[in-house]
Amino acid sequence: VLHTSTANAFGHDRRADRAAEMLLAFDTFGSIPAHVEVVD
């Protein structure tokens, strides 16, 4: 699954917010048992 992020009023209105969301997912998905894996 390719995930992208779009601008909205829930703290994702800035490009930096959306970049942070993706980087946080990359850093944390692997810490949760039975979670989907990050490929890139």
PDB file of all heavy atoms in Angstrom:
ATOM      1  N   VAL A   1       0.858  -1.187   0.000  1.00  0.00           N
ATOM      2  CA  VAL A   1       0.000   0.000   0.000  1.00  0.00           C
ATOM      3  C   VAL A   1       0.893   1.235   0.000  1.00  0.00           C
ATOM      4  O   VAL A   1       1.789   1.356   0.843  1.00  0.00           O
ATOM      5  CB  VAL A   1      -0.949   0.037   1.222  1.00  0.00           C
ATOM      6  CG1 VAL A   1      -1.751   1.342   1.228  1.00  0.00           C
ATOM      7  CG2 VAL A   1      -1.892  -1.161   1.198  1.00  0.00           C
ATOM      8  N   LEU A   2       0.641   2.141  -0.944  1.00  0.00           N
ATOM      9  CA  LEU A   2       1.338   3.421  -0.960  1.00  0.00           C
ATOM     10  C   LEU A   2       0.457   4.448  -0.253  1.00  0.00           C
ATOM     11  O   LEU A   2      -0.682   4.691  -0.666  1.00  0.00           O
ATOM     12  CB  LEU A   2       1.616   3.882  -2.385  1.00  0.00           C
ATOM     13  CG  LEU A   2       2.331   5.230  -2.471  1.00  0.00           C
ATOM     14  CD1 LEU A   2       3.801   5.070  -2.093  1.00  0.00           C
ATOM     15  CD2 LEU A   2       2.204   5.850  -3.854  1.00  0.00           C
ATOM     16  N   HIS A   3       0.976   5.026   0.801  1.00  0.00           N
ATOM     17  CA  HIS A   3       0.242   6.032   1.580  1.00  0.00           C
ATOM     18  C   HIS A   3       0.741   7.421   1.192  1.00  0.00           C
ATOM     19  O   HIS A   3       1.945   7.665   1.161  1.00  0.00           O
ATOM     20  CB  HIS A   3       0.461   5.816   3.078  1.00  0.00           C
ATOM     21  CG  HIS A   3       0.042   4.486   3.575  1.00  0.00           C
ATOM     22  ND1 HIS A   3      -1.191   4.244   4.137  1.00  0.00           N
ATOM     23  CD2 HIS A   3       0.708   3.291   3.602  1.00  0.00           C
ATOM     24  CE1 HIS A   3      -1.276   2.979   4.494  1.00  0.00           C
ATOM     25  NE2 HIS A   3      -0.137   2.377   4.182  1.00  0.00           N
ATOM     26  N   THR A   4      -0.169   8.323   0.922  1.00  0.00           N
ATOM     27  CA  THR A   4       0.175   9.730   0.744  1.00  0.00           C
ATOM     28  C   THR A   4      -0.638  10.532   1.743  1.00  0.00           C
ATOM     29  O   THR A   4      -1.579  10.022   2.353  1.00  0.00           O
ATOM     30  CB  THR A   4      -0.128  10.210  -0.687  1.00  0.00           C
ATOM     31  OG1 THR A   4      -1.509   9.995  -0.965  1.00  0.00           O
ATOM     32  CG2 THR A   4       0.729   9.468  -1.703  1.00  0.00           C
ATOM     33  N   SER A   5      -0.265  11.784   1.927  1.00  0.00           N
ATOM     34  CA  SER A   5      -0.966  12.627   2.888  1.00  0.00           C
ATOM     35  C   SER A   5      -1.415  13.897   2.190  1.00  0.00           C
ATOM     36  O   SER A   5      -0.656  14.484   1.410  1.00  0.00           O
ATOM     37  CB  SER A   5      -0.054  12.966   4.065  1.00  0.00           C
ATOM     38  OG  SER A   5      -0.754  13.684   5.062  1.00  0.00           O
ATOM     39  N   THR A   6      -2.647  14.301   2.455  1.00  0.00           N
ATOM     40  CA  THR A   6      -3.185  15.514   1.857  1.00  0.00           C
ATOM     41  C   THR A   6      -3.396  16.579   2.932  1.00  0.00           C
ATOM     42  O   THR A   6      -3.569  16.273   4.112  1.00  0.00           O
ATOM     43  CB  THR A   6      -4.521  15.228   1.152  1.00  0.00           C
ATOM     44  OG1 THR A   6      -5.407  14.564   2.067  1.00  0.00           O
ATOM     45  CG2 THR A   6      -4.312  14.334  -0.055  1.00  0.00           C
ATOM     46  N   ALA A   7      -3.401  17.834   2.507  1.00  0.00           N
ATOM     47  CA  ALA A   7      -3.585  18.942   3.443  1.00  0.00           C
ATOM     48  C   ALA A   7      -4.996  18.932   4.008  1.00  0.00           C
ATOM     49  O   ALA A   7      -5.965  18.700   3.298  1.00  0.00           O
ATOM     50  CB  ALA A   7      -3.326  20.272   2.734  1.00  0.00           C
ATOM     51  N   ASN A   8      -5.092  19.159   5.307  1.00  0.00           N
ATOM     52  CA  ASN A   8      -6.392  19.337   5.944  1.00  0.00           C
ATOM     53  C   ASN A   8      -6.194  20.148   7.216  1.00  0.00           C
ATOM     54  O   ASN A   8      -5.072  20.521   7.564  1.00  0.00           O
ATOM     55  CB  ASN A   8      -7.067  17.982   6.233  1.00  0.00           C
ATOM     56  CG  ASN A   8      -6.228  17.090   7.130  1.00  0.00           C
ATOM     57  OD1 ASN A   8      -5.666  17.545   8.118  1.00  0.00           O
ATOM     58  ND2 ASN A   8      -6.136  15.813   6.785  1.00  0.00           N
ATOM     59  N   ALA A   9      -7.297  20.408   7.903  1.00  0.00           N
ATOM     60  CA  ALA A   9      -7.259  21.290   9.074  1.00  0.00           C
ATOM     61  C   ALA A   9      -6.874  20.572  10.358  1.00  0.00           C
ATOM     62  O   ALA A   9      -6.869  21.184  11.422  1.00  0.00           O
ATOM     63  CB  ALA A   9      -8.624  21.948   9.254  1.00  0.00           C
ATOM     64  N   PHE A  10      -6.535  19.283  10.271  1.00  0.00           N
ATOM     65  CA  PHE A  10      -6.251  18.508  11.486  1.00  0.00           C
ATOM     66  C   PHE A  10      -4.746  18.381  11.727  1.00  0.00           C
ATOM     67  O   PHE A  10      -4.227  17.309  12.009  1.00  0.00           O
ATOM     68  CB  PHE A  10      -6.910  17.131  11.381  1.00  0.00           C
ATOM     69  CG  PHE A  10      -8.393  17.193  11.188  1.00  0.00           C
ATOM     70  CD1 PHE A  10      -8.957  16.976   9.942  1.00  0.00           C
ATOM     71  CD2 PHE A  10      -9.226  17.514  12.250  1.00  0.00           C
ATOM     72  CE1 PHE A  10     -10.323  17.059   9.765  1.00  0.00           C
ATOM     73  CE2 PHE A  10     -10.588  17.595  12.080  1.00  0.00           C
ATOM     74  CZ  PHE A  10     -11.150  17.376  10.829  1.00  0.00           C
ATOM     75  N   GLY A  11      -4.058  19.520  11.611  1.00  0.00           N
ATOM     76  CA  GLY A  11      -2.626  19.511  11.855  1.00  0.00           C
ATOM     77  C   GLY A  11      -1.801  19.016  10.690  1.00  0.00           C
ATOM     78  O   GLY A  11      -0.631  18.659  10.861  1.00  0.00           O
ATOM     79  N   HIS A  12      -2.393  18.992   9.480  1.00  0.00           N
ATOM     80  CA  HIS A  12      -1.661  18.565   8.292  1.00  0.00           C
ATOM     81  C   HIS A  12      -1.678  19.642   7.207  1.00  0.00           C
ATOM     82  O   HIS A  12      -1.491  19.356   6.031  1.00  0.00           O
ATOM     83  CB  HIS A  12      -2.272  17.273   7.717  1.00  0.00           C
ATOM     84  CG  HIS A  12      -2.245  16.119   8.663  1.00  0.00           C
ATOM     85  ND1 HIS A  12      -3.304  15.803   9.479  1.00  0.00           N
ATOM     86  CD2 HIS A  12      -1.272  15.217   8.946  1.00  0.00           C
ATOM     87  CE1 HIS A  12      -3.001  14.744  10.216  1.00  0.00           C
ATOM     88  NE2 HIS A  12      -1.775  14.384   9.923  1.00  0.00           N
ATOM     89  N   ASP A  13      -1.897  20.893   7.598  1.00  0.00           N
ATOM     90  CA  ASP A  13      -2.016  21.961   6.611  1.00  0.00           C
ATOM     91  C   ASP A  13      -0.665  22.407   6.059  1.00  0.00           C
ATOM     92  O   ASP A  13      -0.601  23.020   5.002  1.00  0.00           O
ATOM     93  CB  ASP A  13      -2.766  23.166   7.210  1.00  0.00           C
ATOM     94  CG  ASP A  13      -2.309  23.498   8.615  1.00  0.00           C
ATOM     95  OD1 ASP A  13      -2.355  22.599   9.470  1.00  0.00           O
ATOM     96  OD2 ASP A  13      -1.927  24.657   8.864  1.00  0.00           O
ATOM     97  N   ARG A  14       0.415  22.097   6.733  1.00  0.00           N
ATOM     98  CA  ARG A  14       1.745  22.465   6.262  1.00  0.00           C
ATOM     99  C   ARG A  14       2.459  21.230   5.703  1.00  0.00           C
ATOM    100  O   ARG A  14       2.286  20.122   6.205  1.00  0.00           O
ATOM    101  CB  ARG A  14       2.581  23.052   7.399  1.00  0.00           C
ATOM    102  CG  ARG A  14       1.956  24.271   8.042  1.00  0.00           C
ATOM    103  CD  ARG A  14       2.693  24.649   9.317  1.00  0.00           C
ATOM    104  NE  ARG A  14       1.979  25.689  10.037  1.00  0.00           N
ATOM    105  CZ  ARG A  14       2.123  25.923  11.332  1.00  0.00           C
ATOM    106  NH1 ARG A  14       2.964  25.192  12.047  1.00  0.00           N
ATOM    107  NH2 ARG A  14       1.436  26.884  11.930  1.00  0.00           N
ATOM    108  N   ARG A  15       3.257  21.437   4.669  1.00  0.00           N
ATOM    109  CA  ARG A  15       4.011  20.318   4.096  1.00  0.00           C
ATOM    110  C   ARG A  15       4.885  19.664   5.153  1.00  0.00           C
ATOM    111  O   ARG A  15       5.055  18.429   5.177  1.00  0.00           O
ATOM    112  CB  ARG A  15       4.869  20.825   2.929  1.00  0.00           C
ATOM    113  CG  ARG A  15       5.603  19.716   2.194  1.00  0.00           C
ATOM    114  CD  ARG A  15       6.239  20.218   0.923  1.00  0.00           C
ATOM    115  NE  ARG A  15       7.320  21.142   1.188  1.00  0.00           N
ATOM    116  CZ  ARG A  15       8.593  20.950   0.813  1.00  0.00           C
ATOM    117  NH1 ARG A  15       8.927  19.853   0.160  1.00  0.00           N
ATOM    118  NH2 ARG A  15       9.515  21.842   1.063  1.00  0.00           N
ATOM    119  N   ALA A  16       5.434  20.465   6.067  1.00  0.00           N
ATOM    120  CA  ALA A  16       6.271  19.906   7.128  1.00  0.00           C
ATOM    121  C   ALA A  16       5.476  18.959   8.025  1.00  0.00           C
ATOM    122  O   ALA A  16       6.008  17.956   8.506  1.00  0.00           O
ATOM    123  CB  ALA A  16       6.876  21.030   7.968  1.00  0.00           C
ATOM    124  N   ASP A  17       4.194  19.259   8.257  1.00  0.00           N
ATOM    125  CA  ASP A  17       3.346  18.368   9.053  1.00  0.00           C
ATOM    126  C   ASP A  17       3.217  17.012   8.369  1.00  0.00           C
ATOM    127  O   ASP A  17       3.305  15.954   8.998  1.00  0.00           O
ATOM    128  CB  ASP A  17       1.937  18.953   9.221  1.00  0.00           C
ATOM    129  CG  ASP A  17       1.930  20.294   9.910  1.00  0.00           C
ATOM    130  OD1 ASP A  17       2.732  20.504  10.823  1.00  0.00           O
ATOM    131  OD2 ASP A  17       1.087  21.135   9.529  1.00  0.00           O
ATOM    132  N   ARG A  18       2.985  17.069   7.060  1.00  0.00           N
ATOM    133  CA  ARG A  18       2.756  15.828   6.329  1.00  0.00           C
ATOM    134  C   ARG A  18       4.038  15.007   6.224  1.00  0.00           C
ATOM    135  O   ARG A  18       4.011  13.784   6.299  1.00  0.00           O
ATOM    136  CB  ARG A  18       2.172  16.163   4.952  1.00  0.00           C
ATOM    137  CG  ARG A  18       0.858  16.935   5.066  1.00  0.00           C
ATOM    138  CD  ARG A  18       0.158  17.121   3.742  1.00  0.00           C
ATOM    139  NE  ARG A  18       0.813  18.045   2.830  1.00  0.00           N
ATOM    140  CZ  ARG A  18       0.687  19.370   2.859  1.00  0.00           C
ATOM    141  NH1 ARG A  18      -0.083  19.937   3.786  1.00  0.00           N
ATOM    142  NH2 ARG A  18       1.292  20.135   1.965  1.00  0.00           N
ATOM    143  N   ALA A  19       5.169  15.701   6.087  1.00  0.00           N
ATOM    144  CA  ALA A  19       6.447  14.983   6.080  1.00  0.00           C
ATOM    145  C   ALA A  19       6.695  14.319   7.429  1.00  0.00           C
ATOM    146  O   ALA A  19       7.147  13.170   7.506  1.00  0.00           O
ATOM    147  CB  ALA A  19       7.581  15.952   5.742  1.00  0.00           C
ATOM    148  N   ALA A  20       6.390  15.048   8.509  1.00  0.00           N
ATOM    149  CA  ALA A  20       6.580  14.498   9.857  1.00  0.00           C
ATOM    150  C   ALA A  20       5.730  13.242  10.062  1.00  0.00           C
ATOM    151  O   ALA A  20       6.176  12.271  10.697  1.00  0.00           O
ATOM    152  CB  ALA A  20       6.232  15.550  10.903  1.00  0.00           C
ATOM    153  N   GLU A  21       4.498  13.256   9.542  1.00  0.00           N
ATOM    154  CA  GLU A  21       3.615  12.095   9.683  1.00  0.00           C
ATOM    155  C   GLU A  21       4.245  10.862   9.042  1.00  0.00           C
ATOM    156  O   GLU A  21       4.246   9.763   9.627  1.00  0.00           O
ATOM    157  CB  GLU A  21       2.277  12.413   9.027  1.00  0.00           C
ATOM    158  CG  GLU A  21       1.293  11.258   9.008  1.00  0.00           C
ATOM    159  CD  GLU A  21       0.078  11.532   8.141  1.00  0.00           C
ATOM    160  OE1 GLU A  21       0.031  12.581   7.477  1.00  0.00           O
ATOM    161  OE2 GLU A  21      -0.810  10.668   8.113  1.00  0.00           O
ATOM    162  N   MET A  22       4.798  11.011   7.846  1.00  0.00           N
ATOM    163  CA  MET A  22       5.391   9.875   7.146  1.00  0.00           C
ATOM    164  C   MET A  22       6.659   9.384   7.836  1.00  0.00           C
ATOM    165  O   MET A  22       6.895   8.182   7.970  1.00  0.00           O
ATOM    166  CB  MET A  22       5.707  10.270   5.696  1.00  0.00           C
ATOM    167  CG  MET A  22       4.486  10.629   4.879  1.00  0.00           C
ATOM    168  SD  MET A  22       3.292   9.257   4.812  1.00  0.00           S
ATOM    169  CE  MET A  22       1.951  10.056   3.943  1.00  0.00           C
ATOM    170  N   LEU A  23       7.492  10.325   8.291  1.00  0.00           N
ATOM    171  CA  LEU A  23       8.730   9.925   8.953  1.00  0.00           C
ATOM    172  C   LEU A  23       8.457   9.247  10.293  1.00  0.00           C
ATOM    173  O   LEU A  23       9.146   8.301  10.679  1.00  0.00           O
ATOM    174  CB  LEU A  23       9.634  11.146   9.141  1.00  0.00           C
ATOM    175  CG  LEU A  23      10.203  11.727   7.840  1.00  0.00           C
ATOM    176  CD1 LEU A  23      10.917  13.041   8.113  1.00  0.00           C
ATOM    177  CD2 LEU A  23      11.152  10.738   7.178  1.00  0.00           C
ATOM    178  N   LEU A  24       7.450   9.728  11.003  1.00  0.00           N
ATOM    179  CA  LEU A  24       7.100   9.090  12.266  1.00  0.00           C
ATOM    180  C   LEU A  24       6.600   7.666  12.027  1.00  0.00           C
ATOM    181  O   LEU A  24       6.946   6.740  12.775  1.00  0.00           O
ATOM    182  CB  LEU A  24       6.032   9.912  12.993  1.00  0.00           C
ATOM    183  CG  LEU A  24       5.619   9.406  14.370  1.00  0.00           C
ATOM    184  CD1 LEU A  24       6.806   9.399  15.328  1.00  0.00           C
ATOM    185  CD2 LEU A  24       4.481  10.252  14.931  1.00  0.00           C
ATOM    186  N   ALA A  25       5.809   7.469  10.980  1.00  0.00           N
ATOM    187  CA  ALA A  25       5.342   6.124  10.647  1.00  0.00           C
ATOM    188  C   ALA A  25       6.524   5.208  10.330  1.00  0.00           C
ATOM    189  O   ALA A  25       6.589   4.059  10.796  1.00  0.00           O
ATOM    190  CB  ALA A  25       4.380   6.190   9.465  1.00  0.00           C
ATOM    191  N   PHE A  26       7.479   5.716   9.563  1.00  0.00           N
ATOM    192  CA  PHE A  26       8.656   4.920   9.210  1.00  0.00           C
ATOM    193  C   PHE A  26       9.432   4.516  10.458  1.00  0.00           C
ATOM    194  O   PHE A  26       9.929   3.385  10.568  1.00  0.00           O
ATOM    195  CB  PHE A  26       9.544   5.735   8.261  1.00  0.00           C
ATOM    196  CG  PHE A  26      10.766   5.006   7.795  1.00  0.00           C
ATOM    197  CD1 PHE A  26      10.694   4.076   6.766  1.00  0.00           C
ATOM    198  CD2 PHE A  26      12.006   5.257   8.375  1.00  0.00           C
ATOM    199  CE1 PHE A  26      11.827   3.395   6.331  1.00  0.00           C
ATOM    200  CE2 PHE A  26      13.142   4.588   7.944  1.00  0.00           C
ATOM    201  CZ  PHE A  26      13.053   3.654   6.921  1.00  0.00           C
ATOM    202  N   ASP A  27       9.532   5.432  11.420  1.00  0.00           N
ATOM    203  CA  ASP A  27      10.301   5.174  12.634  1.00  0.00           C
ATOM    204  C   ASP A  27       9.593   4.264  13.629  1.00  0.00           C
ATOM    205  O   ASP A  27      10.248   3.662  14.481  1.00  0.00           O
ATOM    206  CB  ASP A  27      10.631   6.500  13.336  1.00  0.00           C
ATOM    207  CG  ASP A  27      11.675   7.321  12.595  1.00  0.00           C
ATOM    208  OD1 ASP A  27      12.345   6.769  11.694  1.00  0.00           O
ATOM    209  OD2 ASP A  27      11.816   8.509  12.914  1.00  0.00           O
ATOM    210  N   THR A  28       8.269   4.153  13.558  1.00  0.00           N
ATOM    211  CA  THR A  28       7.528   3.488  14.641  1.00  0.00           C
ATOM    212  C   THR A  28       6.742   2.249  14.242  1.00  0.00           C
ATOM    213  O   THR A  28       6.411   1.440  15.108  1.00  0.00           O
ATOM    214  CB  THR A  28       6.538   4.473  15.290  1.00  0.00           C
ATOM    215  OG1 THR A  28       5.642   4.990  14.294  1.00  0.00           O
ATOM    216  CG2 THR A  28       7.283   5.637  15.946  1.00  0.00           C
ATOM    217  N   PHE A  29       6.410   2.064  12.978  1.00  0.00           N
ATOM    218  CA  PHE A  29       5.594   0.907  12.598  1.00  0.00           C
ATOM    219  C   PHE A  29       6.226  -0.404  13.064  1.00  0.00           C
ATOM    220  O   PHE A  29       5.539  -1.325  13.497  1.00  0.00           O
ATOM    221  CB  PHE A  29       5.388   0.866  11.081  1.00  0.00           C
ATOM    222  CG  PHE A  29       4.232   1.703  10.585  1.00  0.00           C
ATOM    223  CD1 PHE A  29       3.726   2.755  11.338  1.00  0.00           C
ATOM    224  CD2 PHE A  29       3.653   1.448   9.349  1.00  0.00           C
ATOM    225  CE1 PHE A  29       2.666   3.531  10.876  1.00  0.00           C
ATOM    226  CE2 PHE A  29       2.597   2.209   8.884  1.00  0.00           C
ATOM    227  CZ  PHE A  29       2.101   3.247   9.645  1.00  0.00           C
ATOM    228  N   GLY A  30       7.551  -0.484  12.983  1.00  0.00           N
ATOM    229  CA  GLY A  30       8.226  -1.727  13.349  1.00  0.00           C
ATOM    230  C   GLY A  30       8.265  -2.014  14.833  1.00  0.00           C
ATOM    231  O   GLY A  30       8.649  -3.113  15.249  1.00  0.00           O
ATOM    232  N   SER A  31       7.852  -1.050  15.661  1.00  0.00           N
ATOM    233  CA  SER A  31       7.895  -1.260  17.113  1.00  0.00           C
ATOM    234  C   SER A  31       6.625  -1.917  17.651  1.00  0.00           C
ATOM    235  O   SER A  31       6.568  -2.274  18.833  1.00  0.00           O
ATOM    236  CB  SER A  31       8.108   0.080  17.828  1.00  0.00           C
ATOM    237  OG  SER A  31       6.976   0.926  17.662  1.00  0.00           O
ATOM    238  N   ILE A  32       5.619  -2.085  16.817  1.00  0.00           N
ATOM    239  CA  ILE A  32       4.325  -2.618  17.254  1.00  0.00           C
ATOM    240  C   ILE A  32       4.153  -4.038  16.745  1.00  0.00           C
ATOM    241  O   ILE A  32       4.197  -4.274  15.526  1.00  0.00           O
ATOM    242  CB  ILE A  32       3.170  -1.731  16.736  1.00  0.00           C
ATOM    243  CG1 ILE A  32       3.359  -0.291  17.195  1.00  0.00           C
ATOM    244  CG2 ILE A  32       1.816  -2.282  17.199  1.00  0.00           C
ATOM    245  CD1 ILE A  32       3.415  -0.103  18.692  1.00  0.00           C
ATOM    246  N   PRO A  33       3.950  -5.009  17.642  1.00  0.00           N
ATOM    247  CA  PRO A  33       3.763  -6.392  17.200  1.00  0.00           C
ATOM    248  C   PRO A  33       2.580  -6.528  16.247  1.00  0.00           C
ATOM    249  O   PRO A  33       1.552  -5.864  16.405  1.00  0.00           O
ATOM    250  CB  PRO A  33       3.500  -7.146  18.512  1.00  0.00           C
ATOM    251  CG  PRO A  33       4.124  -6.293  19.571  1.00  0.00           C
ATOM    252  CD  PRO A  33       3.940  -4.881  19.105  1.00  0.00           C
ATOM    253  N   ALA A  34       2.740  -7.384  15.245  1.00  0.00           N
ATOM    254  CA  ALA A  34       1.692  -7.721  14.274  1.00  0.00           C
ATOM    255  C   ALA A  34       1.274  -6.530  13.408  1.00  0.00           C
ATOM    256  O   ALA A  34       0.214  -6.541  12.801  1.00  0.00           O
ATOM    257  CB  ALA A  34       0.468  -8.315  14.972  1.00  0.00           C
ATOM    258  N   HIS A  35       2.117  -5.507  13.343  1.00  0.00           N
ATOM    259  CA  HIS A  35       1.807  -4.325  12.529  1.00  0.00           C
ATOM    260  C   HIS A  35       2.285  -4.557  11.092  1.00  0.00           C
ATOM    261  O   HIS A  35       3.193  -5.347  10.850  1.00  0.00           O
ATOM    262  CB  HIS A  35       2.527  -3.107  13.115  1.00  0.00           C
ATOM    263  CG  HIS A  35       1.939  -1.786  12.730  1.00  0.00           C
ATOM    264  ND1 HIS A  35       2.127  -1.223  11.484  1.00  0.00           N
ATOM    265  CD2 HIS A  35       1.159  -0.929  13.420  1.00  0.00           C
ATOM    266  CE1 HIS A  35       1.500  -0.060  11.436  1.00  0.00           C
ATOM    267  NE2 HIS A  35       0.904   0.149  12.592  1.00  0.00           N
ATOM    268  N   VAL A  36       1.672  -3.858  10.130  1.00  0.00           N
ATOM    269  CA  VAL A  36       2.203  -3.903   8.774  1.00  0.00           C
ATOM    270  C   VAL A  36       3.623  -3.362   8.789  1.00  0.00           C
ATOM    271  O   VAL A  36       4.000  -2.553   9.638  1.00  0.00           O
ATOM    272  CB  VAL A  36       1.325  -3.081   7.791  1.00  0.00           C
ATOM    273  CG1 VAL A  36      -0.056  -3.697   7.664  1.00  0.00           C
ATOM    274  CG2 VAL A  36       1.233  -1.622   8.209  1.00  0.00           C
ATOM    275  N   GLU A  37       4.421  -3.845   7.842  1.00  0.00           N
ATOM    276  CA  GLU A  37       5.825  -3.460   7.790  1.00  0.00           C
ATOM    277  C   GLU A  37       6.025  -2.277   6.840  1.00  0.00           C
ATOM    278  O   GLU A  37       5.288  -2.103   5.877  1.00  0.00           O
ATOM    279  CB  GLU A  37       6.677  -4.636   7.311  1.00  0.00           C
ATOM    280  CG  GLU A  37       6.584  -5.854   8.214  1.00  0.00           C
ATOM    281  CD  GLU A  37       7.348  -7.039   7.640  1.00  0.00           C
ATOM    282  OE1 GLU A  37       8.100  -6.837   6.663  1.00  0.00           O
ATOM    283  OE2 GLU A  37       7.188  -8.151   8.160  1.00  0.00           O
ATOM    284  N   VAL A  38       7.042  -1.489   7.123  1.00  0.00           N
ATOM    285  CA  VAL A  38       7.417  -0.393   6.242  1.00  0.00           C
ATOM    286  C   VAL A  38       8.441  -0.906   5.238  1.00  0.00           C
ATOM    287  O   VAL A  38       9.439  -1.532   5.616  1.00  0.00           O
ATOM    288  CB  VAL A  38       8.003   0.790   7.027  1.00  0.00           C
ATOM    289  CG1 VAL A  38       8.566   1.837   6.070  1.00  0.00           C
ATOM    290  CG2 VAL A  38       6.945   1.423   7.909  1.00  0.00           C
ATOM    291  N   VAL A  39       8.204  -0.636   3.965  1.00  0.00           N
ATOM    292  CA  VAL A  39       9.139  -1.004   2.913  1.00  0.00           C
ATOM    293  C   VAL A  39      10.048   0.169   2.552  1.00  0.00           C
ATOM    294  O   VAL A  39      11.250   0.008   2.337  1.00  0.00           O
ATOM    295  CB  VAL A  39       8.375  -1.491   1.657  1.00  0.00           C
ATOM    296  CG1 VAL A  39       9.345  -1.806   0.516  1.00  0.00           C
ATOM    297  CG2 VAL A  39       7.533  -2.721   1.999  1.00  0.00           C
ATOM    298  N   ASP A  40       9.493   1.372   2.520  1.00  0.00           N
ATOM    299  CA  ASP A  40      10.257   2.543   2.124  1.00  0.00           C
ATOM    300  C   ASP A  40       9.515   3.789   2.594  1.00  0.00           C
ATOM    301  O   ASP A  40       8.322   3.744   2.920  1.00  0.00           O
ATOM    302  CB  ASP A  40      10.416   2.573   0.596  1.00  0.00           C
ATOM    303  CG  ASP A  40      11.501   3.540   0.122  1.00  0.00           C
ATOM    304  OD1 ASP A  40      12.251   4.065   0.971  1.00  0.00           O
ATOM    305  OD2 ASP A  40      11.607   3.745  -1.099  1.00  0.00           O
TER     306      ASP A  40
END
